[in-house]
Amino acid sequence: MKITLRKVTKSPLDFEVSSNAITFKGYLEYDSSKLILLKARLEGSLEKPCDICAEDFELQVAEDVEFFISDGIYKGGDDIELDVVESLDGNVDMQELLHSEIELIKSDYHACESCQSKED
């Protein structure tokens, strides 16, 4: 699902995309000069190898996601630290953002229940 950024206004624009067993649902809203606020929730499960024993397990995902999308190169002030995704073509691909968020989750340290109980 691609969304044209110039169509995003102060009224929230709802979206929902999914990939396998993960749903990415939320809204986009114009915030300020060339910045669009994205607020969403990732929910579902994904298969991931345990970082200790390397056996695959189902990782339950329930995370709130919030960042800004810039229509073009972001040239903000150094005094404010923002999470900004830059769009160079005036569109945002929600499926691509979902994939990026899934990869961020996978890159974190996760252990299966069996290995977690051994650590305690």
N, C-alpha and C. Protein backbone atom coordinates (compact mmCIF):
# COMPACT_ATOMS: atom_id res chain seq x y z
N MET A 1 0.84 -1.17 0.00
CA MET A 1 0.00 0.00 0.00
C MET A 1 0.89 1.24 0.00
N LYS A 2 0.78 2.04 -1.04
CA LYS A 2 1.53 3.28 -1.13
C LYS A 2 0.58 4.45 -0.87
N ILE A 3 1.09 5.42 -0.12
CA ILE A 3 0.31 6.60 0.21
C ILE A 3 1.08 7.82 -0.28
N THR A 4 0.39 8.70 -0.99
CA THR A 4 0.98 9.95 -1.45
C THR A 4 0.97 10.93 -0.29
N LEU A 5 2.14 11.41 0.08
CA LEU A 5 2.26 12.25 1.28
C LEU A 5 1.50 13.57 1.18
N ARG A 6 1.40 14.14 0.00
CA ARG A 6 0.70 15.43 -0.12
C ARG A 6 -0.81 15.30 0.15
N LYS A 7 -1.31 14.06 0.17
CA LYS A 7 -2.73 13.84 0.47
C LYS A 7 -3.00 13.72 1.97
N VAL A 8 -1.93 13.68 2.77
CA VAL A 8 -2.09 13.57 4.22
C VAL A 8 -2.34 14.97 4.78
N THR A 9 -3.40 15.09 5.58
CA THR A 9 -3.79 16.39 6.14
C THR A 9 -3.78 16.31 7.67
N LYS A 10 -4.32 17.34 8.30
CA LYS A 10 -4.45 17.35 9.76
C LYS A 10 -5.46 16.31 10.25
N SER A 11 -6.33 15.86 9.35
CA SER A 11 -7.26 14.79 9.71
C SER A 11 -6.53 13.46 9.54
N PRO A 12 -6.54 12.61 10.57
CA PRO A 12 -5.80 11.35 10.48
C PRO A 12 -6.24 10.49 9.30
N LEU A 13 -5.26 9.94 8.61
CA LEU A 13 -5.49 9.03 7.49
C LEU A 13 -5.14 7.62 7.97
N ASP A 14 -6.17 6.79 8.15
CA ASP A 14 -5.98 5.44 8.68
C ASP A 14 -5.36 4.52 7.65
N PHE A 15 -4.58 3.56 8.13
CA PHE A 15 -4.02 2.52 7.27
C PHE A 15 -3.94 1.22 8.04
N GLU A 16 -3.90 0.13 7.31
CA GLU A 16 -3.69 -1.19 7.89
C GLU A 16 -3.07 -2.07 6.83
N VAL A 17 -1.92 -2.64 7.15
CA VAL A 17 -1.25 -3.60 6.27
C VAL A 17 -0.81 -4.76 7.13
N SER A 18 -0.62 -5.91 6.48
CA SER A 18 -0.17 -7.08 7.23
C SER A 18 0.80 -7.89 6.40
N SER A 19 1.58 -8.67 7.11
CA SER A 19 2.55 -9.56 6.50
C SER A 19 2.58 -10.82 7.34
N ASN A 20 2.19 -11.93 6.75
CA ASN A 20 2.07 -13.19 7.48
C ASN A 20 1.18 -13.01 8.69
N ALA A 21 1.72 -13.12 9.90
CA ALA A 21 0.89 -13.03 11.10
C ALA A 21 1.09 -11.72 11.86
N ILE A 22 1.63 -10.69 11.19
CA ILE A 22 1.85 -9.38 11.83
C ILE A 22 0.96 -8.34 11.15
N THR A 23 0.27 -7.54 11.97
CA THR A 23 -0.56 -6.46 11.46
C THR A 23 0.03 -5.12 11.90
N PHE A 24 0.08 -4.19 10.96
CA PHE A 24 0.59 -2.83 11.18
C PHE A 24 -0.58 -1.90 10.93
N LYS A 25 -1.13 -1.34 12.01
CA LYS A 25 -2.36 -0.56 11.90
C LYS A 25 -2.20 0.76 12.66
N GLY A 26 -2.60 1.85 12.00
CA GLY A 26 -2.51 3.15 12.65
C GLY A 26 -2.98 4.26 11.74
N TYR A 27 -2.34 5.43 11.89
CA TYR A 27 -2.73 6.57 11.06
C TYR A 27 -1.53 7.46 10.76
N LEU A 28 -1.70 8.25 9.72
CA LEU A 28 -0.75 9.29 9.33
C LEU A 28 -1.46 10.62 9.50
N GLU A 29 -0.71 11.64 9.96
CA GLU A 29 -1.30 12.96 10.18
C GLU A 29 -0.25 14.03 9.93
N TYR A 30 -0.61 15.07 9.19
CA TYR A 30 0.30 16.18 8.93
C TYR A 30 0.67 16.83 10.26
N ASP A 31 1.97 17.03 10.48
CA ASP A 31 2.41 17.62 11.74
C ASP A 31 2.94 19.04 11.55
N SER A 32 3.94 19.19 10.71
CA SER A 32 4.51 20.51 10.46
C SER A 32 5.22 20.48 9.11
N SER A 33 5.89 21.52 8.79
CA SER A 33 6.53 21.67 7.50
C SER A 33 7.22 20.40 7.01
N LYS A 34 6.61 19.76 6.05
CA LYS A 34 7.11 18.54 5.40
C LYS A 34 7.23 17.33 6.31
N LEU A 35 6.67 17.38 7.53
CA LEU A 35 6.72 16.23 8.42
C LEU A 35 5.33 15.64 8.62
N ILE A 36 5.26 14.33 8.49
CA ILE A 36 4.02 13.58 8.69
C ILE A 36 4.24 12.68 9.89
N LEU A 37 3.34 12.72 10.86
CA LEU A 37 3.42 11.87 12.03
C LEU A 37 2.78 10.53 11.72
N LEU A 38 3.49 9.45 12.03
CA LEU A 38 2.95 8.11 11.92
C LEU A 38 2.82 7.55 13.33
N LYS A 39 1.61 7.14 13.68
CA LYS A 39 1.35 6.45 14.95
C LYS A 39 0.66 5.15 14.60
N ALA A 40 1.23 4.05 15.10
CA ALA A 40 0.68 2.75 14.73
C ALA A 40 0.97 1.71 15.81
N ARG A 41 0.41 0.54 15.61
CA ARG A 41 0.63 -0.59 16.50
C ARG A 41 0.94 -1.81 15.65
N LEU A 42 1.99 -2.52 16.05
CA LEU A 42 2.37 -3.80 15.44
C LEU A 42 1.86 -4.90 16.36
N GLU A 43 1.09 -5.84 15.81
CA GLU A 43 0.58 -6.94 16.62
C GLU A 43 0.62 -8.22 15.83
N GLY A 44 0.88 -9.30 16.54
CA GLY A 44 0.88 -10.62 15.92
C GLY A 44 2.03 -11.45 16.43
N SER A 45 2.49 -12.34 15.59
CA SER A 45 3.61 -13.20 15.97
C SER A 45 4.47 -13.46 14.74
N LEU A 46 5.73 -13.77 15.01
CA LEU A 46 6.63 -14.13 13.92
C LEU A 46 7.57 -15.22 14.40
N GLU A 47 8.04 -16.00 13.46
CA GLU A 47 8.96 -17.08 13.77
C GLU A 47 10.37 -16.53 13.73
N LYS A 48 11.12 -16.84 14.78
CA LYS A 48 12.48 -16.33 14.90
C LYS A 48 13.34 -17.38 15.59
N PRO A 49 14.60 -17.51 15.19
CA PRO A 49 15.48 -18.44 15.92
C PRO A 49 15.88 -17.84 17.27
N CYS A 50 15.92 -18.69 18.28
CA CYS A 50 16.35 -18.28 19.61
C CYS A 50 17.81 -17.86 19.54
N ASP A 51 18.15 -16.78 20.20
CA ASP A 51 19.53 -16.29 20.18
C ASP A 51 20.46 -17.11 21.06
N ILE A 52 19.92 -18.07 21.81
CA ILE A 52 20.76 -18.93 22.65
C ILE A 52 20.90 -20.32 22.03
N CYS A 53 19.77 -20.99 21.78
CA CYS A 53 19.84 -22.38 21.29
C CYS A 53 19.64 -22.51 19.78
N ALA A 54 19.25 -21.43 19.11
CA ALA A 54 19.05 -21.37 17.65
C ALA A 54 17.82 -22.13 17.16
N GLU A 55 16.99 -22.63 18.05
CA GLU A 55 15.74 -23.28 17.66
C GLU A 55 14.70 -22.21 17.34
N ASP A 56 13.90 -22.44 16.30
CA ASP A 56 12.85 -21.49 15.95
C ASP A 56 11.75 -21.50 17.00
N PHE A 57 11.20 -20.32 17.28
CA PHE A 57 10.07 -20.20 18.19
C PHE A 57 9.18 -19.05 17.74
N GLU A 58 7.95 -19.04 18.23
CA GLU A 58 7.00 -17.98 17.91
C GLU A 58 7.20 -16.81 18.86
N LEU A 59 7.57 -15.67 18.33
CA LEU A 59 7.76 -14.46 19.12
C LEU A 59 6.48 -13.64 19.03
N GLN A 60 5.87 -13.36 20.17
CA GLN A 60 4.66 -12.54 20.20
C GLN A 60 5.07 -11.07 20.12
N VAL A 61 4.40 -10.33 19.25
CA VAL A 61 4.71 -8.93 19.02
C VAL A 61 3.50 -8.07 19.37
N ALA A 62 3.72 -7.06 20.18
CA ALA A 62 2.69 -6.07 20.52
C ALA A 62 3.45 -4.78 20.86
N GLU A 63 3.68 -3.95 19.85
CA GLU A 63 4.49 -2.74 20.04
C GLU A 63 3.82 -1.53 19.43
N ASP A 64 3.92 -0.41 20.14
CA ASP A 64 3.50 0.87 19.59
C ASP A 64 4.65 1.46 18.81
N VAL A 65 4.35 2.07 17.67
CA VAL A 65 5.36 2.65 16.81
C VAL A 65 4.98 4.10 16.55
N GLU A 66 5.96 4.99 16.68
CA GLU A 66 5.71 6.41 16.42
C GLU A 66 6.99 7.03 15.85
N PHE A 67 6.86 7.63 14.68
CA PHE A 67 7.97 8.37 14.08
C PHE A 67 7.42 9.33 13.05
N PHE A 68 8.30 10.14 12.49
CA PHE A 68 7.91 11.11 11.48
C PHE A 68 8.38 10.66 10.11
N ILE A 69 7.65 11.07 9.10
CA ILE A 69 8.02 10.83 7.71
C ILE A 69 8.21 12.20 7.08
N SER A 70 9.36 12.39 6.45
CA SER A 70 9.67 13.66 5.81
C SER A 70 9.42 13.55 4.32
N ASP A 71 8.72 14.53 3.78
CA ASP A 71 8.51 14.59 2.34
C ASP A 71 9.74 15.27 1.75
N GLY A 72 10.77 14.48 1.47
CA GLY A 72 12.05 14.98 1.00
C GLY A 72 13.10 14.84 2.08
N ILE A 73 14.27 15.38 1.82
CA ILE A 73 15.37 15.32 2.78
C ILE A 73 15.02 16.15 4.00
N TYR A 74 15.17 15.58 5.18
CA TYR A 74 14.85 16.29 6.42
C TYR A 74 16.02 17.18 6.83
N LYS A 75 15.73 18.46 6.98
CA LYS A 75 16.75 19.43 7.38
C LYS A 75 16.29 20.12 8.65
N GLY A 76 16.16 19.34 9.71
CA GLY A 76 15.69 19.89 10.98
C GLY A 76 16.81 20.48 11.79
N GLY A 77 16.43 21.12 12.88
CA GLY A 77 17.41 21.71 13.79
C GLY A 77 18.12 20.64 14.60
N ASP A 78 19.31 20.94 15.02
CA ASP A 78 20.09 20.00 15.81
C ASP A 78 19.60 19.91 17.25
N ASP A 79 18.76 20.85 17.67
CA ASP A 79 18.32 20.89 19.05
C ASP A 79 17.22 19.87 19.36
N ILE A 80 16.56 19.36 18.33
CA ILE A 80 15.48 18.40 18.53
C ILE A 80 15.87 17.08 17.87
N GLU A 81 15.80 16.00 18.65
CA GLU A 81 16.13 14.70 18.11
C GLU A 81 14.83 13.97 17.78
N LEU A 82 14.62 13.71 16.49
CA LEU A 82 13.42 13.03 16.02
C LEU A 82 13.78 11.78 15.25
N ASP A 83 12.91 10.78 15.31
CA ASP A 83 13.03 9.64 14.42
C ASP A 83 12.31 10.01 13.14
N VAL A 84 13.07 10.17 12.05
CA VAL A 84 12.50 10.61 10.79
C VAL A 84 12.89 9.65 9.67
N VAL A 85 11.88 9.22 8.92
CA VAL A 85 12.08 8.44 7.72
C VAL A 85 11.90 9.40 6.54
N GLU A 86 12.85 9.41 5.64
CA GLU A 86 12.78 10.35 4.51
C GLU A 86 12.18 9.66 3.29
N SER A 87 11.25 10.35 2.64
CA SER A 87 10.67 9.88 1.39
C SER A 87 11.16 10.80 0.28
N LEU A 88 11.84 10.24 -0.68
CA LEU A 88 12.43 11.07 -1.74
C LEU A 88 11.53 11.21 -2.96
N ASP A 89 10.44 10.43 -3.01
CA ASP A 89 9.55 10.50 -4.17
C ASP A 89 8.14 10.97 -3.85
N GLY A 90 7.91 11.46 -2.62
CA GLY A 90 6.59 11.97 -2.25
C GLY A 90 5.58 10.90 -1.88
N ASN A 91 6.03 9.65 -1.80
CA ASN A 91 5.16 8.53 -1.43
C ASN A 91 5.78 7.75 -0.29
N VAL A 92 4.94 7.07 0.45
CA VAL A 92 5.43 6.17 1.48
C VAL A 92 4.80 4.80 1.25
N ASP A 93 5.64 3.77 1.24
CA ASP A 93 5.19 2.40 1.04
C ASP A 93 5.00 1.76 2.41
N MET A 94 3.75 1.59 2.82
CA MET A 94 3.45 1.07 4.15
C MET A 94 3.94 -0.36 4.31
N GLN A 95 3.91 -1.14 3.26
CA GLN A 95 4.39 -2.52 3.32
C GLN A 95 5.90 -2.53 3.59
N GLU A 96 6.63 -1.61 3.00
CA GLU A 96 8.07 -1.50 3.22
C GLU A 96 8.36 -1.07 4.66
N LEU A 97 7.58 -0.13 5.19
CA LEU A 97 7.75 0.28 6.58
C LEU A 97 7.48 -0.88 7.53
N LEU A 98 6.44 -1.66 7.24
CA LEU A 98 6.13 -2.85 8.04
C LEU A 98 7.31 -3.81 8.03
N HIS A 99 7.84 -4.08 6.85
CA HIS A 99 8.99 -4.98 6.73
C HIS A 99 10.19 -4.46 7.54
N SER A 100 10.44 -3.17 7.48
CA SER A 100 11.55 -2.57 8.24
C SER A 100 11.35 -2.73 9.75
N GLU A 101 10.12 -2.52 10.21
CA GLU A 101 9.83 -2.67 11.64
C GLU A 101 10.01 -4.13 12.08
N ILE A 102 9.59 -5.07 11.24
CA ILE A 102 9.76 -6.49 11.55
C ILE A 102 11.25 -6.82 11.66
N GLU A 103 12.05 -6.31 10.74
CA GLU A 103 13.49 -6.58 10.77
C GLU A 103 14.14 -5.96 12.01
N LEU A 104 13.66 -4.80 12.44
CA LEU A 104 14.18 -4.20 13.69
C LEU A 104 13.88 -5.09 14.89
N ILE A 105 12.68 -5.63 14.94
CA ILE A 105 12.30 -6.53 16.03
C ILE A 105 13.17 -7.79 16.00
N LYS A 106 13.35 -8.35 14.82
CA LYS A 106 14.17 -9.56 14.69
C LYS A 106 15.61 -9.32 15.11
N SER A 107 16.11 -8.11 14.92
CA SER A 107 17.51 -7.83 15.23
C SER A 107 17.76 -7.71 16.74
N ASP A 108 16.70 -7.54 17.53
CA ASP A 108 16.84 -7.51 18.99
C ASP A 108 17.17 -8.90 19.52
N TYR A 109 17.62 -8.95 20.75
CA TYR A 109 17.92 -10.21 21.43
C TYR A 109 16.63 -10.84 21.90
N HIS A 110 16.38 -12.10 21.48
CA HIS A 110 15.18 -12.83 21.90
C HIS A 110 15.56 -14.27 22.21
N ALA A 111 15.06 -14.77 23.32
CA ALA A 111 15.30 -16.16 23.71
C ALA A 111 13.95 -16.88 23.84
N CYS A 112 13.96 -18.16 23.50
CA CYS A 112 12.74 -18.97 23.63
C CYS A 112 12.43 -19.18 25.12
N GLU A 113 11.23 -19.68 25.43
CA GLU A 113 10.82 -19.87 26.83
C GLU A 113 11.75 -20.83 27.57
N SER A 114 12.18 -21.86 26.89
CA SER A 114 13.06 -22.84 27.52
C SER A 114 14.38 -22.20 27.95
N CYS A 115 14.97 -21.42 27.08
CA CYS A 115 16.24 -20.76 27.40
C CYS A 115 16.06 -19.64 28.42
N GLN A 116 14.92 -18.97 28.37
CA GLN A 116 14.64 -17.91 29.36
C GLN A 116 14.55 -18.51 30.75
N SER A 117 13.91 -19.67 30.87
CA SER A 117 13.77 -20.29 32.20
C SER A 117 15.12 -20.77 32.72
N LYS A 118 16.04 -21.14 31.84
CA LYS A 118 17.39 -21.55 32.26
C LYS A 118 18.20 -20.36 32.76
N GLU A 119 17.94 -19.16 32.21
CA GLU A 119 18.65 -17.95 32.62
C GLU A 119 18.22 -17.46 33.98
N ASP A 120 16.97 -17.74 34.37
CA ASP A 120 16.44 -17.24 35.66
C ASP A 120 16.99 -17.96 36.83
